[in-house]
C-alpha atoms as a PDB file:
ATOM      1  CA  UNK A   1      91.900  92.879 122.610  1.00  0.00           C
ATOM      2  CA  UNK A   2      91.707  90.453 120.242  1.00  0.00           C
ATOM      3  CA  UNK A   3      90.388  90.159 116.872  1.00  0.00           C
ATOM      4  CA  UNK A   4      88.420  87.248 116.798  1.00  0.00           C
ATOM      5  CA  UNK A   5      88.345  85.252 112.604  1.00  0.00           C
ATOM      6  CA  UNK A   6      85.823  83.024 111.901  1.00  0.00           C
ATOM      7  CA  UNK A   7      87.014  80.876 109.461  1.00  0.00           C
ATOM      8  CA  UNK A   8      85.549  79.576 105.937  1.00  0.00           C
ATOM      9  CA  UNK A   9      85.735  76.328 107.445  1.00  0.00           C
ATOM     10  CA  UNK A  10      84.044  76.830 110.716  1.00  0.00           C
ATOM     11  CA  UNK A  11      86.307  77.129 112.808  1.00  0.00           C
ATOM     12  CA  UNK A  12      87.282  80.615 115.135  1.00  0.00           C
ATOM     13  CA  UNK A  13      90.692  81.816 115.902  1.00  0.00           C
ATOM     14  CA  UNK A  14      92.205  84.450 117.402  1.00  0.00           C
ATOM     15  CA  UNK A  15      94.761  87.618 116.385  1.00  0.00           C
ATOM     16  CA  UNK A  16      96.007  89.921 117.526  1.00  0.00           C
ATOM     17  CA  UNK A  17      95.401  94.145 116.013  1.00  0.00           C
ATOM     18  CA  UNK A  18      99.123  93.896 114.858  1.00  0.00           C
ATOM     19  CA  UNK A  19      98.914  91.014 113.091  1.00  0.00           C
ATOM     20  CA  UNK A  20      95.374  91.707 111.408  1.00  0.00           C
ATOM     21  CA  UNK A  21      97.215  95.206 110.246  1.00  0.00           C
ATOM     22  CA  UNK A  22      99.885  93.678 108.226  1.00  0.00           C
ATOM     23  CA  UNK A  23      97.272  90.744 107.107  1.00  0.00           C
ATOM     24  CA  UNK A  24      94.567  93.283 106.112  1.00  0.00           C
ATOM     25  CA  UNK A  25      97.863  95.698 104.168  1.00  0.00           C
ATOM     26  CA  UNK A  26      99.201  92.262 102.090  1.00  0.00           C
ATOM     27  CA  UNK A  27      95.727  91.510 101.557  1.00  0.00           C
ATOM     28  CA  UNK A  28      95.176  95.534  99.606  1.00  0.00           C
ATOM     29  CA  UNK A  29      98.445  94.955  97.641  1.00  0.00           C
ATOM     30  CA  UNK A  30      96.463  91.973  95.723  1.00  0.00           C
ATOM     31  CA  UNK A  31      93.380  93.971  94.982  1.00  0.00           C
ATOM     32  CA  UNK A  32      92.159  94.015  92.447  1.00  0.00           C
ATOM     33  CA  UNK A  33      90.073  97.687  92.404  1.00  0.00           C
ATOM     34  CA  UNK A  34      93.144 100.566  92.308  1.00  0.00           C
ATOM     35  CA  UNK A  35      92.984 104.034  92.839  1.00  0.00           C
ATOM     36  CA  UNK A  36      94.927 105.469  89.836  1.00  0.00           C
ATOM     37  CA  UNK A  37      94.566 108.873  89.883  1.00  0.00           C
ATOM     38  CA  UNK A  38      91.504 110.496  89.055  1.00  0.00           C
ATOM     39  CA  UNK A  39      89.778 107.356  88.226  1.00  0.00           C
ATOM     40  CA  UNK A  40      88.981 103.714  89.548  1.00  0.00           C
ATOM     41  CA  UNK A  41      90.545 101.136  87.870  1.00  0.00           C
ATOM     42  CA  UNK A  42      89.074  97.082  87.793  1.00  0.00           C
ATOM     43  CA  UNK A  43      91.443  94.664  86.633  1.00  0.00           C
ATOM     44  CA  UNK A  44      89.461  91.995  85.223  1.00  0.00           C
ATOM     45  CA  UNK A  45      91.386  90.786  83.662  1.00  0.00           C
ATOM     46  CA  UNK A  46      95.074  90.432  82.090  1.00  0.00           C
ATOM     47  CA  UNK A  47      93.476  92.320  79.323  1.00  0.00           C
ATOM     48  CA  UNK A  48      90.593  94.314  80.506  1.00  0.00           C
ATOM     49  CA  UNK A  49      90.600  97.096  82.687  1.00  0.00           C
ATOM     50  CA  UNK A  50      86.913  98.633  83.488  1.00  0.00           C
ATOM     51  CA  UNK A  51      87.336 102.163  84.396  1.00  0.00           C
ATOM     52  CA  UNK A  52      85.284 104.742  86.351  1.00  0.00           C
ATOM     53  CA  UNK A  53      86.762 108.850  86.789  1.00  0.00           C
ATOM     54  CA  UNK A  54      85.358 109.883  90.590  1.00  0.00           C
ATOM     55  CA  UNK A  55      84.018 112.852  89.632  1.00  0.00           C
ATOM     56  CA  UNK A  56      80.931 110.176  88.477  1.00  0.00           C
ATOM     57  CA  UNK A  57      80.799 109.014  91.801  1.00  0.00           C
ATOM     58  CA  UNK A  58      79.782 112.901  93.868  1.00  0.00           C
ATOM     59  CA  UNK A  59      76.871 112.453  94.371  1.00  0.00           C
ATOM     60  CA  UNK A  60      75.424 109.323  97.320  1.00  0.00           C
ATOM     61  CA  UNK A  61      73.116 108.654  93.697  1.00  0.00           C
ATOM     62  CA  UNK A  62      75.842 108.849  92.169  1.00  0.00           C
ATOM     63  CA  UNK A  63      77.505 106.095  93.669  1.00  0.00           C
ATOM     64  CA  UNK A  64      74.998 103.608  94.422  1.00  0.00           C
ATOM     65  CA  UNK A  65      74.101 103.386  90.224  1.00  0.00           C
ATOM     66  CA  UNK A  66      77.937 102.896  90.484  1.00  0.00           C
ATOM     67  CA  UNK A  67      77.519  99.444  92.591  1.00  0.00           C
ATOM     68  CA  UNK A  68      74.759  98.521  90.988  1.00  0.00           C
ATOM     69  CA  UNK A  69      76.246  98.619  87.269  1.00  0.00           C
ATOM     70  CA  UNK A  70      79.487  96.875  88.491  1.00  0.00           C
ATOM     71  CA  UNK A  71      76.682  94.039  91.022  1.00  0.00           C
ATOM     72  CA  UNK A  72      75.399  93.653  87.642  1.00  0.00           C
ATOM     73  CA  UNK A  73      78.622  92.165  85.910  1.00  0.00           C
ATOM     74  CA  UNK A  74      78.982  88.592  86.095  1.00  0.00           C
ATOM     75  CA  UNK A  75      82.748  88.846  86.243  1.00  0.00           C
ATOM     76  CA  UNK A  76      82.119  90.736  89.515  1.00  0.00           C
ATOM     77  CA  UNK A  77      81.106  87.878  91.542  1.00  0.00           C
ATOM     78  CA  UNK A  78      84.043  85.553  91.275  1.00  0.00           C
ATOM     79  CA  UNK A  79      85.648  84.319  93.368  1.00  0.00           C
ATOM     80  CA  UNK A  80      84.211  84.317  95.942  1.00  0.00           C
ATOM     81  CA  UNK A  81      82.996  88.694  95.028  1.00  0.00           C
ATOM     82  CA  UNK A  82      86.637  89.382  95.048  1.00  0.00           C
ATOM     83  CA  UNK A  83      85.731  92.062  92.631  1.00  0.00           C
ATOM     84  CA  UNK A  84      82.647  93.409  94.180  1.00  0.00           C
ATOM     85  CA  UNK A  85      84.419  93.377  97.462  1.00  0.00           C
ATOM     86  CA  UNK A  86      87.777  95.232  96.308  1.00  0.00           C
ATOM     87  CA  UNK A  87      85.345  97.900  94.585  1.00  0.00           C
ATOM     88  CA  UNK A  88      83.391  98.438  97.488  1.00  0.00           C
ATOM     89  CA  UNK A  89      86.481  99.232  99.575  1.00  0.00           C
ATOM     90  CA  UNK A  90      88.293 101.313  96.992  1.00  0.00           C
ATOM     91  CA  UNK A  91      85.027 103.146  96.620  1.00  0.00           C
ATOM     92  CA  UNK A  92      84.760 103.898 100.132  1.00  0.00           C
ATOM     93  CA  UNK A  93      87.726 104.745 100.707  1.00  0.00           C
ATOM     94  CA  UNK A  94      87.865 107.762  97.917  1.00  0.00           C
ATOM     95  CA  UNK A  95      84.388 109.296  98.262  1.00  0.00           C
ATOM     96  CA  UNK A  96      83.415 112.400 100.952  1.00  0.00           C
ATOM     97  CA  UNK A  97      82.056 110.524 103.871  1.00  0.00           C
ATOM     98  CA  UNK A  98      79.405 113.644 103.881  1.00  0.00           C
ATOM     99  CA  UNK A  99      77.584 111.302 101.422  1.00  0.00           C
ATOM    100  CA  UNK A 100      76.155 108.739 103.731  1.00  0.00           C
ATOM    101  CA  UNK A 101      74.000 109.675 106.104  1.00  0.00           C
ATOM    102  CA  UNK A 102      75.866 110.031 109.681  1.00  0.00           C
ATOM    103  CA  UNK A 103      78.677 110.897 107.704  1.00  0.00           C
ATOM    104  CA  UNK A 104      78.609 114.729 108.518  1.00  0.00           C
ATOM    105  CA  UNK A 105      76.677 114.353 111.983  1.00  0.00           C
ATOM    106  CA  UNK A 106      80.018 112.368 112.937  1.00  0.00           C
ATOM    107  CA  UNK A 107      82.405 114.649 111.263  1.00  0.00           C
ATOM    108  CA  UNK A 108      84.181 111.589 110.093  1.00  0.00           C
END
């Protein structure tokens, strides 16, 4: 079953699962947000890293506070909101799914 991509220019393309997986893995290598030990590091610029301790993301409320805090930063929205997207991906990859409604019910 092919994956359907909606491109920025309005065109639609199909790719295989393998190709979509490989492209996603390559994209993740270049994220500006990464987990480093017990921290989420946001590489804002060459000389500036915004650091968040994962211990400060133990509840849904704490996670939402960080989402709001990062969303207030102008740098989070540059380059088509790349840092904001990367931050949300890394946050969701590294927190307990039971924090979210339904996460515990479905055994995720």
